[in-house]
C-alpha atoms as a PDB file:
ATOM      1  CA  MET A   1      86.366  63.315  89.238  1.00  0.00           C
ATOM      2  CA  THR A   2      85.833  63.944  85.553  1.00  0.00           C
ATOM      3  CA  ARG A   3      87.480  66.646  83.473  1.00  0.00           C
ATOM      4  CA  GLU A   4      84.109  68.380  82.964  1.00  0.00           C
ATOM      5  CA  PHE A   5      83.638  68.794  86.699  1.00  0.00           C
ATOM      6  CA  LEU A   6      87.120  70.216  87.240  1.00  0.00           C
ATOM      7  CA  ALA A   7      86.784  72.615  84.313  1.00  0.00           C
ATOM      8  CA  THR A   8      83.520  74.092  85.594  1.00  0.00           C
ATOM      9  CA  ASP A   9      84.909  74.417  89.104  1.00  0.00           C
ATOM     10  CA  LEU A  10      87.794  76.458  87.712  1.00  0.00           C
ATOM     11  CA  ASN A  11      85.465  78.715  85.693  1.00  0.00           C
ATOM     12  CA  ILE A  12      86.973  77.568  82.416  1.00  0.00           C
ATOM     13  CA  ASP A  13      84.884  78.430  79.353  1.00  0.00           C
ATOM     14  CA  ALA A  14      86.128  75.610  77.163  1.00  0.00           C
ATOM     15  CA  TYR A  15      88.679  72.851  77.008  1.00  0.00           C
ATOM     16  CA  MET A  16      89.925  70.309  74.491  1.00  0.00           C
ATOM     17  CA  ILE A  17      91.240  66.799  74.897  1.00  0.00           C
ATOM     18  CA  GLU A  18      94.353  65.601  73.078  1.00  0.00           C
ATOM     19  CA  PRO A  19      94.927  64.863  70.276  1.00  0.00           C
ATOM     20  CA  LEU A  20      93.970  68.371  69.186  1.00  0.00           C
ATOM     21  CA  ASP A  21      92.133  68.964  65.935  1.00  0.00           C
ATOM     22  CA  TYR A  22      93.490  72.225  64.447  1.00  0.00           C
ATOM     23  CA  VAL A  23      90.229  73.119  62.640  1.00  0.00           C
ATOM     24  CA  GLU A  24      88.189  72.627  65.821  1.00  0.00           C
ATOM     25  CA  LEU A  25      90.705  74.635  67.875  1.00  0.00           C
ATOM     26  CA  VAL A  26      90.509  77.600  65.476  1.00  0.00           C
ATOM     27  CA  ALA A  27      86.694  77.406  65.364  1.00  0.00           C
ATOM     28  CA  ARG A  28      86.461  77.384  69.167  1.00  0.00           C
ATOM     29  CA  LEU A  29      88.879  80.313  69.500  1.00  0.00           C
ATOM     30  CA  LYS A  30      86.908  82.349  66.958  1.00  0.00           C
ATOM     31  CA  GLN A  31      83.686  81.596  68.839  1.00  0.00           C
ATOM     32  CA  LEU A  32      85.196  82.614  72.197  1.00  0.00           C
ATOM     33  CA  LEU A  33      86.600  85.839  70.739  1.00  0.00           C
ATOM     34  CA  TRP A  34      83.209  86.647  69.232  1.00  0.00           C
ATOM     35  CA  VAL A  35      81.490  86.099  72.599  1.00  0.00           C
ATOM     36  CA  TYR A  36      84.044  88.204  74.490  1.00  0.00           C
ATOM     37  CA  ASN A  37      83.879  91.027  71.929  1.00  0.00           C
ATOM     38  CA  ARG A  38      80.074  91.105  72.142  1.00  0.00           C
ATOM     39  CA  ALA A  39      80.267  91.205  75.938  1.00  0.00           C
ATOM     40  CA  ASN A  40      82.759  94.096  75.829  1.00  0.00           C
ATOM     41  CA  ASN A  41      80.681  96.035  73.283  1.00  0.00           C
ATOM     42  CA  SER A  42      77.554  95.700  75.378  1.00  0.00           C
ATOM     43  CA  ALA A  43      79.504  97.024  78.368  1.00  0.00           C
ATOM     44  CA  ASP A  44      80.017 100.368  76.571  1.00  0.00           C
ATOM     45  CA  SER A  45      77.364 102.579  78.063  1.00  0.00           C
ATOM     46  CA  ILE A  46      76.130 106.112  77.604  1.00  0.00           C
ATOM     47  CA  THR A  47      74.852 108.558  80.143  1.00  0.00           C
ATOM     48  CA  THR A  48      71.288 109.486  79.387  1.00  0.00           C
ATOM     49  CA  SER A  49      68.561 111.468  81.075  1.00  0.00           C
ATOM     50  CA  PRO A  50      67.216 110.244  83.406  1.00  0.00           C
ATOM     51  CA  ALA A  51      68.909 106.824  83.443  1.00  0.00           C
ATOM     52  CA  SER A  52      71.891 105.084  81.972  1.00  0.00           C
ATOM     53  CA  ALA A  53      71.426 102.894  78.891  1.00  0.00           C
ATOM     54  CA  HIS A  54      73.635 100.400  77.078  1.00  0.00           C
ATOM     55  CA  ARG A  55      74.601 101.160  73.502  1.00  0.00           C
ATOM     56  CA  SER A  56      73.650  97.655  72.386  1.00  0.00           C
ATOM     57  CA  ASP A  57      70.198  97.953  73.993  1.00  0.00           C
ATOM     58  CA  HIS A  58      69.315 101.012  71.941  1.00  0.00           C
ATOM     59  CA  ALA A  59      69.121 101.479  68.227  1.00  0.00           C
ATOM     60  CA  SER A  60      69.546 105.246  68.331  1.00  0.00           C
ATOM     61  CA  VAL A  61      70.388 108.228  70.490  1.00  0.00           C
ATOM     62  CA  LYS A  62      68.937 111.692  69.995  1.00  0.00           C
ATOM     63  CA  CYS A  63      70.513 114.962  70.989  1.00  0.00           C
ATOM     64  CA  ASP A  64      68.404 117.962  69.940  1.00  0.00           C
ATOM     65  CA  ASN A  65      67.951 117.550  66.144  1.00  0.00           C
ATOM     66  CA  LEU A  66      70.799 115.021  65.831  1.00  0.00           C
ATOM     67  CA  GLU A  67      70.017 111.328  65.764  1.00  0.00           C
ATOM     68  CA  ILE A  68      72.767 108.710  65.944  1.00  0.00           C
ATOM     69  CA  ASP A  69      71.646 105.370  64.508  1.00  0.00           C
ATOM     70  CA  PHE A  70      73.889 102.518  65.684  1.00  0.00           C
ATOM     71  CA  LYS A  71      72.343  99.894  63.421  1.00  0.00           C
ATOM     72  CA  GLN A  72      73.038 101.896  60.252  1.00  0.00           C
ATOM     73  CA  TYR A  73      76.089 103.804  61.604  1.00  0.00           C
ATOM     74  CA  ARG A  74      74.699 107.099  60.404  1.00  0.00           C
ATOM     75  CA  VAL A  75      73.893 110.476  61.863  1.00  0.00           C
ATOM     76  CA  THR A  76      70.972 112.617  60.767  1.00  0.00           C
ATOM     77  CA  ASN A  77      70.232 116.231  61.546  1.00  0.00           C
ATOM     78  CA  GLY A  78      66.518 116.966  61.291  1.00  0.00           C
ATOM     79  CA  GLY A  79      66.102 113.783  59.221  1.00  0.00           C
ATOM     80  CA  VAL A  80      68.886 114.673  56.747  1.00  0.00           C
ATOM     81  CA  ASP A  81      71.770 112.178  56.589  1.00  0.00           C
ATOM     82  CA  LEU A  82      75.068 113.959  57.310  1.00  0.00           C
ATOM     83  CA  GLY A  83      77.176 111.363  55.490  1.00  0.00           C
ATOM     84  CA  LEU A  84      79.784 110.958  58.223  1.00  0.00           C
ATOM     85  CA  THR A  85      82.814 108.781  57.614  1.00  0.00           C
ATOM     86  CA  PRO A  86      83.430 105.951  60.114  1.00  0.00           C
ATOM     87  CA  LYS A  87      86.079 108.030  61.953  1.00  0.00           C
ATOM     88  CA  GLU A  88      83.813 111.085  62.062  1.00  0.00           C
ATOM     89  CA  PHE A  89      81.038 108.858  63.432  1.00  0.00           C
ATOM     90  CA  SER A  90      83.374 107.471  66.123  1.00  0.00           C
ATOM     91  CA  LEU A  91      84.679 110.932  66.989  1.00  0.00           C
ATOM     92  CA  LEU A  92      81.175 112.375  67.326  1.00  0.00           C
ATOM     93  CA  TRP A  93      80.072 109.433  69.466  1.00  0.00           C
ATOM     94  CA  TYR A  94      83.141 109.814  71.706  1.00  0.00           C
ATOM     95  CA  LEU A  95      82.396 113.509  72.135  1.00  0.00           C
ATOM     96  CA  MET A  96      78.739 112.671  72.888  1.00  0.00           C
ATOM     97  CA  LYS A  97      79.757 110.201  75.593  1.00  0.00           C
ATOM     98  CA  HIS A  98      81.885 112.956  77.169  1.00  0.00           C
ATOM     99  CA  ARG A  99      79.513 115.900  76.637  1.00  0.00           C
ATOM    100  CA  GLY A 100      80.367 118.941  78.709  1.00  0.00           C
ATOM    101  CA  GLN A 101      83.909 117.671  79.304  1.00  0.00           C
ATOM    102  CA  VAL A 102      86.923 119.377  77.766  1.00  0.00           C
ATOM    103  CA  LEU A 103      88.933 116.737  75.904  1.00  0.00           C
ATOM    104  CA  SER A 104      92.530 117.218  74.844  1.00  0.00           C
ATOM    105  CA  ARG A 105      93.721 116.177  71.415  1.00  0.00           C
ATOM    106  CA  ASP A 106      95.683 113.349  73.048  1.00  0.00           C
ATOM    107  CA  GLN A 107      92.549 112.108  74.836  1.00  0.00           C
ATOM    108  CA  LEU A 108      90.653 112.133  71.538  1.00  0.00           C
ATOM    109  CA  LEU A 109      93.486 110.299  69.749  1.00  0.00           C
ATOM    110  CA  GLU A 110      93.544 107.637  72.456  1.00  0.00           C
ATOM    111  CA  GLY A 111      89.746 107.359  72.714  1.00  0.00           C
ATOM    112  CA  VAL A 112      88.904 107.271  69.004  1.00  0.00           C
ATOM    113  CA  TRP A 113      92.056 106.087  67.226  1.00  0.00           C
ATOM    114  CA  GLY A 114      93.316 103.947  70.105  1.00  0.00           C
ATOM    115  CA  TYR A 115      96.880 105.269  70.251  1.00  0.00           C
ATOM    116  CA  ASP A 116      98.923 108.004  71.875  1.00  0.00           C
ATOM    117  CA  SER A 117     100.028 110.961  69.829  1.00  0.00           C
ATOM    118  CA  ILE A 118     103.257 110.306  68.032  1.00  0.00           C
ATOM    119  CA  GLY A 119     104.280 113.670  66.680  1.00  0.00           C
ATOM    120  CA  SER A 120     101.390 115.859  65.530  1.00  0.00           C
ATOM    121  CA  SER A 121      97.800 115.652  66.701  1.00  0.00           C
ATOM    122  CA  ARG A 122      96.721 117.732  63.696  1.00  0.00           C
ATOM    123  CA  ILE A 123      94.538 114.833  62.538  1.00  0.00           C
ATOM    124  CA  ILE A 124      92.087 115.698  65.330  1.00  0.00           C
ATOM    125  CA  ASP A 125      91.809 119.301  64.134  1.00  0.00           C
ATOM    126  CA  ILE A 126      91.122 118.125  60.582  1.00  0.00           C
ATOM    127  CA  HIS A 127      88.393 115.680  61.644  1.00  0.00           C
ATOM    128  CA  ILE A 128      86.805 118.256  63.971  1.00  0.00           C
ATOM    129  CA  SER A 129      86.769 120.716  61.065  1.00  0.00           C
ATOM    130  CA  HIS A 130      85.044 118.139  58.834  1.00  0.00           C
ATOM    131  CA  LEU A 131      82.525 117.364  61.595  1.00  0.00           C
ATOM    132  CA  ARG A 132      81.774 121.061  62.031  1.00  0.00           C
ATOM    133  CA  ASP A 133      81.251 121.435  58.284  1.00  0.00           C
ATOM    134  CA  LYS A 134      78.619 118.706  58.451  1.00  0.00           C
ATOM    135  CA  LEU A 135      77.016 119.545  61.829  1.00  0.00           C
ATOM    136  CA  GLU A 136      77.010 123.312  62.054  1.00  0.00           C
ATOM    137  CA  THR A 137      74.909 125.826  60.154  1.00  0.00           C
ATOM    138  CA  ASN A 138      77.894 128.191  60.434  1.00  0.00           C
ATOM    139  CA  PRO A 139      81.132 126.214  60.940  1.00  0.00           C
ATOM    140  CA  GLN A 140      83.063 129.465  61.575  1.00  0.00           C
ATOM    141  CA  ASP A 141      80.883 130.115  64.665  1.00  0.00           C
ATOM    142  CA  PRO A 142      80.240 126.582  66.002  1.00  0.00           C
ATOM    143  CA  THR A 143      77.466 125.863  68.470  1.00  0.00           C
ATOM    144  CA  TRP A 144      78.045 122.105  68.889  1.00  0.00           C
ATOM    145  CA  ILE A 145      81.798 121.499  69.050  1.00  0.00           C
ATOM    146  CA  LYS A 146      83.708 124.342  70.688  1.00  0.00           C
ATOM    147  CA  THR A 147      87.465 124.876  70.792  1.00  0.00           C
ATOM    148  CA  VAL A 148      89.130 125.369  74.155  1.00  0.00           C
ATOM    149  CA  ARG A 149      92.256 127.269  73.161  1.00  0.00           C
ATOM    150  CA  GLY A 150      95.495 125.586  74.069  1.00  0.00           C
ATOM    151  CA  PHE A 151      93.802 122.391  75.230  1.00  0.00           C
ATOM    152  CA  GLY A 152      91.247 120.722  72.960  1.00  0.00           C
ATOM    153  CA  TYR A 153      87.526 120.500  72.300  1.00  0.00           C
ATOM    154  CA  ILE A 154      84.198 120.271  74.104  1.00  0.00           C
ATOM    155  CA  LEU A 155      80.760 119.201  72.880  1.00  0.00           C
ATOM    156  CA  ASP A 156      77.963 121.464  74.097  1.00  0.00           C
ATOM    157  CA  ASN A 157      76.157 119.906  77.053  1.00  0.00           C
ATOM    158  CA  SER A 158      72.949 121.956  76.854  1.00  0.00           C
ATOM    159  CA  TYR A 159      71.039 119.420  74.749  1.00  0.00           C
ATOM    160  CA  PRO A 160      69.388 116.422  76.440  1.00  0.00           C
ATOM    161  CA  LEU A 161      70.651 113.018  75.317  1.00  0.00           C
ATOM    162  CA  ILE A 162      67.850 110.498  74.872  1.00  0.00           C
ATOM    163  CA  ALA A 163      68.386 106.823  74.053  1.00  0.00           C
ATOM    164  CA  GLU A 164      65.652 105.078  72.106  1.00  0.00           C
ATOM    165  CA  SER A 165      64.962 101.418  71.438  1.00  0.00           C
ATOM    166  CA  MET A 166      63.637 100.351  68.083  1.00  0.00           C
END
């Protein structure tokens, strides 16, 4: 049996024969990481009406007057660019994926920042405030992102979420 046959039987993506060439090893690792990252990103899905769609399959998602453009990483409201920062964009998208669900500050920290709260979760409140300033006509009386006292935040679920391909 040859090495190629054994490698495919074991479901191995790649292999190298000694002596190893460092430049080739690094290039192959970078390529494998790129492939795995693309596969993981395409596995992130959103719940849409009436069916489920993959984020990578769609260029934008609309929710009432809001449009989230994944190619440009921007959000518009009625065609006007809101100028969200990357974290605000990620936070809004995380809230969109969990519309109608009350999310604690710790859940938001883990979901958007990727870590548990160490000390204060005040950073969530600050980013929510900035999002409200950009999303809401009256940030003092929000219609999109509501506070659930003593727990966290919820994004209004009354707007249909529609994924569009471009």
